[in-house]
Protein backbone atom coordinates (compact mmCIF):
# COMPACT_ATOMS: atom_id res chain seq x y z
CA MET A 1 -15.40 -138.49 57.78
CA ARG A 2 -15.88 -140.25 60.33
CA ALA A 3 -18.82 -140.05 62.63
CA PRO A 4 -18.18 -139.40 65.84
CA ASP A 5 -18.56 -142.33 68.77
CA THR A 6 -21.64 -141.16 70.69
CA ARG A 7 -21.83 -144.33 72.66
CA ARG A 8 -18.51 -143.44 74.38
CA SER A 9 -18.69 -139.54 74.63
CA GLY A 10 -22.02 -140.71 76.80
CA GLU A 11 -20.32 -142.70 78.56
CA TRP A 12 -17.50 -140.15 79.65
CA PRO A 13 -19.29 -138.66 82.35
CA ILE A 14 -20.29 -141.53 83.94
CA ARG A 15 -16.97 -143.49 83.85
CA ARG A 16 -15.52 -139.92 85.11
CA LEU A 17 -17.74 -140.00 88.27
CA ALA A 18 -17.27 -143.74 88.87
CA ASP A 19 -13.36 -142.75 89.35
CA GLN A 20 -13.63 -140.42 91.77
CA PRO A 21 -13.97 -141.97 95.35
CA TYR A 22 -14.11 -138.98 97.46
CA LEU A 23 -17.17 -137.49 95.39
CA LEU A 24 -19.44 -141.04 95.95
CA LEU A 25 -18.85 -141.34 99.23
CA SER A 26 -19.84 -137.31 100.14
CA LEU A 27 -23.24 -138.05 97.50
CA THR A 28 -23.98 -141.36 99.47
CA SER A 29 -23.78 -139.46 102.96
CA LEU A 30 -26.02 -137.19 101.27
CA PHE A 31 -28.68 -139.48 100.19
CA TRP A 32 -28.55 -141.18 103.98
CA ALA A 33 -29.00 -138.04 105.69
CA GLY A 34 -32.21 -138.00 103.71
CA ASN A 35 -32.77 -141.48 104.63
CA VAL A 36 -33.18 -140.45 108.62
CA VAL A 37 -35.05 -138.19 108.12
CA VAL A 38 -38.02 -139.48 105.87
CA ALA A 39 -38.07 -142.75 107.71
CA ARG A 40 -39.12 -140.43 110.95
CA PHE A 41 -41.57 -139.03 108.77
CA VAL A 42 -43.15 -141.81 107.82
CA THR A 43 -43.27 -143.42 111.14
CA GLY A 44 -47.33 -144.59 112.15
CA HIS A 45 -47.39 -144.55 108.42
CA VAL A 46 -45.34 -147.33 107.52
CA PRO A 47 -44.04 -150.04 109.96
CA PRO A 48 -40.29 -150.36 110.15
CA VAL A 49 -39.90 -154.08 108.28
CA ALA A 50 -42.37 -152.89 106.18
CA LEU A 51 -40.63 -149.56 105.19
CA ALA A 52 -37.20 -151.79 104.46
CA PHE A 53 -38.90 -154.40 102.58
CA PHE A 54 -40.75 -151.98 100.09
CA ARG A 55 -36.98 -150.07 99.95
CA TRP A 56 -35.13 -153.22 98.74
CA SER A 57 -38.14 -154.92 96.71
CA GLY A 58 -38.52 -151.76 94.98
CA ALA A 59 -34.98 -150.80 94.28
CA PHE A 60 -34.75 -154.62 92.67
CA VAL A 61 -37.78 -153.82 90.63
CA VAL A 62 -35.91 -151.17 89.93
CA LEU A 63 -32.94 -152.44 89.01
CA LEU A 64 -34.04 -155.76 87.25
CA PRO A 65 -34.26 -154.44 83.89
CA PHE A 66 -30.91 -152.98 83.94
CA ALA A 67 -29.11 -155.89 86.15
CA PHE A 68 -30.57 -159.22 84.69
CA LYS A 69 -27.92 -159.14 81.87
CA HIS A 70 -25.14 -158.74 84.26
CA ILE A 71 -26.60 -160.93 86.88
CA ARG A 72 -26.66 -163.61 84.06
CA ALA A 73 -23.49 -163.25 82.99
CA ASP A 74 -21.74 -163.37 86.49
CA TRP A 75 -23.78 -165.84 87.70
CA PRO A 76 -20.99 -168.53 87.89
CA LYS A 77 -19.26 -165.78 90.52
CA ILE A 78 -22.38 -165.27 92.51
CA ARG A 79 -22.96 -169.01 93.07
CA ALA A 80 -18.95 -169.76 93.59
CA ARG A 81 -19.05 -167.28 96.35
CA LEU A 82 -22.94 -167.63 97.43
CA PRO A 83 -22.62 -167.57 101.45
CA MET A 84 -20.84 -164.18 100.83
CA MET A 85 -23.25 -162.68 98.96
CA VAL A 86 -25.95 -164.02 100.93
CA LEU A 87 -23.86 -162.17 104.25
CA LEU A 88 -23.42 -159.14 102.42
CA ALA A 89 -27.32 -159.17 101.37
CA ALA A 90 -28.13 -159.86 105.57
CA THR A 91 -25.69 -157.23 106.63
CA GLY A 92 -26.19 -154.87 104.17
CA ILE A 93 -29.45 -154.87 103.47
CA GLY A 94 -31.87 -157.24 104.77
CA ALA A 95 -30.90 -157.16 108.67
CA TYR A 96 -29.52 -153.45 109.00
CA ASN A 97 -32.08 -151.59 107.76
CA THR A 98 -35.07 -153.20 109.21
CA ILE A 99 -33.33 -153.09 112.57
CA ALA A 100 -32.49 -149.50 111.97
CA TYR A 101 -35.78 -148.29 110.94
CA TYR A 102 -37.35 -150.48 113.93
CA GLY A 103 -34.90 -147.84 116.20
CA LEU A 104 -36.12 -144.75 114.34
CA GLN A 105 -39.71 -145.33 116.04
CA TYR A 106 -38.29 -144.94 119.61
CA THR A 107 -35.40 -143.11 119.38
CA THR A 108 -34.45 -138.96 118.54
CA ALA A 109 -32.79 -137.85 115.42
CA LEU A 110 -29.69 -136.52 117.82
CA ASN A 111 -29.55 -139.69 119.32
CA ALA A 112 -29.65 -141.39 115.90
CA LEU A 113 -26.49 -138.51 114.63
CA LEU A 114 -24.55 -139.76 117.94
CA MET A 115 -24.64 -143.23 117.25
CA GLN A 116 -24.14 -142.88 113.56
CA SER A 117 -21.18 -141.24 114.36
CA ALA A 118 -19.12 -144.47 115.64
CA GLY A 119 -19.49 -146.01 112.16
CA PRO A 120 -15.99 -145.20 111.41
CA LEU A 121 -14.46 -146.77 114.96
CA PHE A 122 -17.12 -150.10 113.94
CA VAL A 123 -16.16 -150.47 110.34
CA ALA A 124 -11.99 -149.77 112.19
CA PHE A 125 -13.31 -152.95 114.45
CA TRP A 126 -14.66 -155.36 112.06
CA SER A 127 -11.58 -154.27 109.61
CA LEU A 128 -9.20 -155.30 112.53
CA VAL A 129 -11.46 -158.52 113.41
CA LEU A 130 -11.58 -160.15 110.14
CA PHE A 131 -8.97 -159.52 108.28
CA ARG A 132 -6.49 -157.99 110.92
CA THR A 133 -6.30 -154.35 109.08
CA ARG A 134 -5.19 -152.09 111.31
CA LEU A 135 -5.63 -147.88 111.50
CA THR A 136 -3.49 -146.00 109.86
CA LEU A 137 -1.72 -142.96 112.19
CA ALA A 138 -3.40 -140.76 109.82
CA GLN A 139 -6.78 -142.82 109.55
CA ALA A 140 -7.12 -142.58 113.24
CA VAL A 141 -6.11 -138.84 113.55
CA GLY A 142 -8.76 -138.00 110.35
CA ILE A 143 -11.29 -139.81 112.54
CA ALA A 144 -10.90 -138.38 115.67
CA THR A 145 -11.12 -135.34 113.81
CA SER A 146 -14.00 -135.77 112.33
CA LEU A 147 -15.52 -137.01 115.04
CA ALA A 148 -14.91 -134.05 116.84
CA GLY A 149 -16.78 -132.32 114.41
CA VAL A 150 -19.65 -134.15 114.47
CA LEU A 151 -19.90 -133.60 118.40
CA VAL A 152 -19.51 -129.63 118.03
CA ILE A 153 -22.26 -129.47 115.29
CA ILE A 154 -24.60 -131.91 117.24
CA ALA A 155 -24.11 -130.37 120.29
CA ARG A 156 -24.89 -126.93 119.20
CA GLY A 157 -21.28 -125.94 120.52
CA ASP A 158 -22.36 -126.66 123.77
CA PHE A 159 -21.14 -129.88 124.95
CA SER A 160 -22.94 -130.12 128.03
CA THR A 161 -26.08 -130.63 125.97
CA LEU A 162 -24.59 -134.08 125.44
CA LEU A 163 -24.42 -134.58 128.83
CA SER A 164 -28.14 -134.45 128.65
CA VAL A 165 -29.23 -136.69 126.55
CA GLY A 166 -31.37 -139.66 127.18
CA PHE A 167 -30.97 -143.68 125.73
CA ASN A 168 -33.47 -145.69 125.31
CA LYS A 169 -34.42 -148.81 123.64
CA GLY A 170 -34.24 -147.51 120.05
CA ASP A 171 -30.86 -146.53 120.55
CA LEU A 172 -30.12 -150.24 121.40
CA TYR A 173 -31.45 -151.11 118.08
CA PHE A 174 -30.10 -148.57 116.01
CA LEU A 175 -26.88 -149.23 117.24
CA THR A 176 -26.95 -152.87 116.54
CA ALA A 177 -28.25 -151.65 113.31
CA LEU A 178 -24.81 -149.78 112.33
CA MET A 179 -22.98 -152.35 113.81
CA ILE A 180 -24.28 -154.94 111.26
CA PHE A 181 -24.08 -152.64 108.54
CA CYS A 182 -20.17 -151.86 109.58
CA ILE A 183 -19.93 -155.73 109.37
CA TYR A 184 -20.97 -155.60 105.27
CA SER A 185 -18.69 -152.48 104.67
CA ALA A 186 -15.78 -154.18 106.39
CA LEU A 187 -16.72 -157.20 103.71
CA MET A 188 -16.57 -154.97 100.65
CA PRO A 189 -12.87 -155.09 99.75
CA TYR A 190 -13.54 -158.79 99.68
CA ARG A 191 -16.53 -159.27 97.89
CA PRO A 192 -16.36 -161.14 94.56
CA GLN A 193 -15.81 -158.95 91.62
CA MET A 194 -18.49 -158.61 89.35
CA HIS A 195 -20.50 -155.59 87.54
CA PRO A 196 -21.76 -153.14 90.56
CA LEU A 197 -25.26 -153.99 88.98
CA ALA A 198 -25.14 -157.49 89.06
CA PHE A 199 -24.17 -157.39 92.58
CA LEU A 200 -25.97 -154.87 93.76
CA GLY A 201 -29.45 -156.56 91.65
CA PHE A 202 -28.79 -159.59 93.75
CA VAL A 203 -28.17 -158.43 97.11
CA THR A 204 -31.46 -155.67 96.86
CA GLY A 205 -33.35 -159.04 95.63
CA SER A 206 -31.93 -161.40 98.50
CA GLY A 207 -32.33 -158.54 101.11
CA ALA A 208 -35.79 -158.29 100.28
CA LEU A 209 -36.54 -162.35 99.95
CA LEU A 210 -34.71 -162.23 103.41
CA ASN A 211 -37.48 -159.93 104.75
CA VAL A 212 -40.48 -161.65 103.81
CA PRO A 213 -41.17 -163.93 107.22
CA PHE A 214 -40.66 -160.92 108.91
CA VAL A 215 -43.15 -158.51 107.17
CA ILE A 216 -45.47 -161.53 106.80
CA TRP A 217 -45.10 -161.69 110.55
CA GLU A 218 -45.59 -157.61 111.31
CA ALA A 219 -49.29 -157.65 109.19
CA ALA A 220 -50.58 -160.47 110.78
CA SER A 221 -49.60 -158.53 114.11
CA GLY A 222 -51.68 -155.55 113.08
CA HIS A 223 -48.89 -153.42 111.83
CA VAL A 224 -50.67 -151.91 108.67
CA THR A 225 -49.37 -149.31 105.99
CA VAL A 226 -51.03 -146.28 105.52
CA PHE A 227 -51.32 -145.87 102.03
CA ASP A 228 -51.16 -142.10 100.97
CA THR A 229 -49.12 -139.20 99.12
CA GLU A 230 -46.71 -138.56 101.94
CA THR A 231 -46.19 -142.35 101.57
CA ALA A 232 -45.89 -142.88 97.84
CA LEU A 233 -43.24 -139.63 98.19
CA ALA A 234 -41.12 -141.31 101.27
CA LEU A 235 -41.42 -144.52 99.45
CA ALA A 236 -40.13 -142.93 96.16
CA TYR A 237 -37.16 -141.56 98.12
CA VAL A 238 -36.00 -144.51 99.89
CA VAL A 239 -36.41 -146.50 96.85
CA ILE A 240 -34.48 -144.17 94.46
CA PHE A 241 -32.18 -142.31 96.58
CA PRO A 242 -30.62 -143.77 99.67
CA SER A 243 -30.89 -147.49 98.28
CA ILE A 244 -30.05 -147.66 94.23
CA LEU A 245 -27.80 -144.58 93.97
CA ALA A 246 -26.20 -144.33 97.65
CA TYR A 247 -25.37 -148.10 97.17
CA LEU A 248 -23.66 -147.71 93.76
CA CYS A 249 -21.58 -145.21 94.84
CA TYR A 250 -21.40 -146.21 98.02
CA ASN A 251 -20.07 -150.22 97.15
CA ARG A 252 -17.94 -148.33 94.43
CA GLY A 253 -16.21 -145.77 96.70
CA VAL A 254 -15.00 -148.71 98.88
CA GLU A 255 -13.81 -150.43 96.11
CA LEU A 256 -11.35 -147.66 95.40
CA ILE A 257 -9.90 -146.78 98.51
CA GLY A 258 -11.09 -149.33 101.30
CA ALA A 259 -13.11 -149.75 103.96
CA ASN A 260 -11.33 -147.50 106.52
CA ARG A 261 -10.13 -144.68 104.50
CA SER A 262 -14.08 -144.38 103.47
CA ALA A 263 -15.54 -144.93 107.05
CA PRO A 264 -14.95 -140.91 107.90
CA PHE A 265 -17.39 -140.10 105.41
CA TYR A 266 -20.25 -141.26 107.43
CA HIS A 267 -19.50 -137.93 109.66
CA LEU A 268 -20.98 -136.47 106.64
CA ILE A 269 -24.26 -137.79 107.37
CA PRO A 270 -25.14 -135.20 110.33
CA VAL A 271 -23.04 -132.37 108.26
CA PHE A 272 -25.61 -132.85 105.24
CA GLY A 273 -28.19 -133.17 108.14
CA SER A 274 -27.89 -129.39 109.02
CA VAL A 275 -27.19 -128.55 105.85
CA LEU A 276 -30.65 -129.87 104.77
CA ALA A 277 -32.49 -128.57 107.96
CA ILE A 278 -30.74 -124.75 107.21
CA GLY A 279 -31.89 -124.76 103.31
CA PHE A 280 -35.42 -126.44 103.46
CA LEU A 281 -36.66 -125.98 107.66
CA GLY A 282 -35.52 -122.20 107.42
CA GLU A 283 -33.10 -123.24 110.81
CA GLN A 284 -30.06 -119.52 111.29
CA PRO A 285 -26.96 -121.20 110.24
CA GLN A 286 -24.35 -120.39 113.16
CA LEU A 287 -20.61 -120.19 113.70
CA PHE A 288 -20.79 -123.94 115.74
CA HIS A 289 -22.28 -125.15 112.20
CA LEU A 290 -18.59 -123.28 110.44
CA ILE A 291 -16.59 -124.99 113.14
CA GLY A 292 -18.21 -128.38 112.52
CA TYR A 293 -18.19 -128.10 109.31
CA VAL A 294 -14.40 -127.24 108.85
CA LEU A 295 -13.98 -130.18 111.67
CA VAL A 296 -15.16 -132.74 109.65
CA LEU A 297 -14.20 -131.56 106.13
CA ALA A 298 -10.51 -132.13 107.87
CA GLY A 299 -10.73 -135.00 109.40
CA VAL A 300 -12.13 -136.16 106.00
CA VAL A 301 -9.23 -135.63 103.93
CA ILE A 302 -6.84 -136.64 106.80
CA ALA A 303 -8.39 -140.06 106.82
CA ALA A 304 -8.69 -140.66 103.33
CA ARG A 305 -4.78 -139.69 102.46
CA ARG A 306 -2.51 -142.88 101.75
């Protein structure tokens, strides 16, 4: 009797997951929701550029043993499209995270969630400007519906709350970072085709290298990292979940359904953030949570349709 192919059976769940764009993009939003909370938590312990550098250099070190053979095999593709690869590393890894972490030192969680809700609009803008890709009617309706749900959650059912929101320089930095990341999102469907570990390994390593001059300048300016248990746990989280796992999920999700159809999943970030607050911080679920969740999920479903 022929022995079962355990290698294939072991790969099957991973292959099935890799073909589920909606699940992949939902996991991405979940991991990124935690990233905003953790970044705010370690403010005062880890300076923003150092946090971005530790995040991506750590992710590169963890990825390298798995990605090295794929990077070597795909090196001709990387070298042939090197300017594009460096641009992706700068927009999706280096510049975006550094500027976002800097902005999170000064802005509030409410403001960050409000600005992150503009992500789908920025993706649509860059897709139109760079590639003349227009939103379909379903995508536009879905984005508007899910955005309404986000605002319901953030405003806690009282939209007058939004009128009292104040903005500062941190908001400008965070908004700039989001605009930069949306260039990465719009470019993703046009990236060179290669193994996902080769791609992520290259851009994480390149993004970390791009931050080296800035982290040296930051340290020379007297901003030092406080290494303690909280810092270690925070760094472990940002290296594994919003970096390696989230970017693998996000890159594959965009590859499967495109940038514009993926964009409404940004609106799941505040949804997951509020769920985490209810689950771990003891906040009480309210009717506005349910209304917001229904609107966001309806918008995502509408926008993700062909």
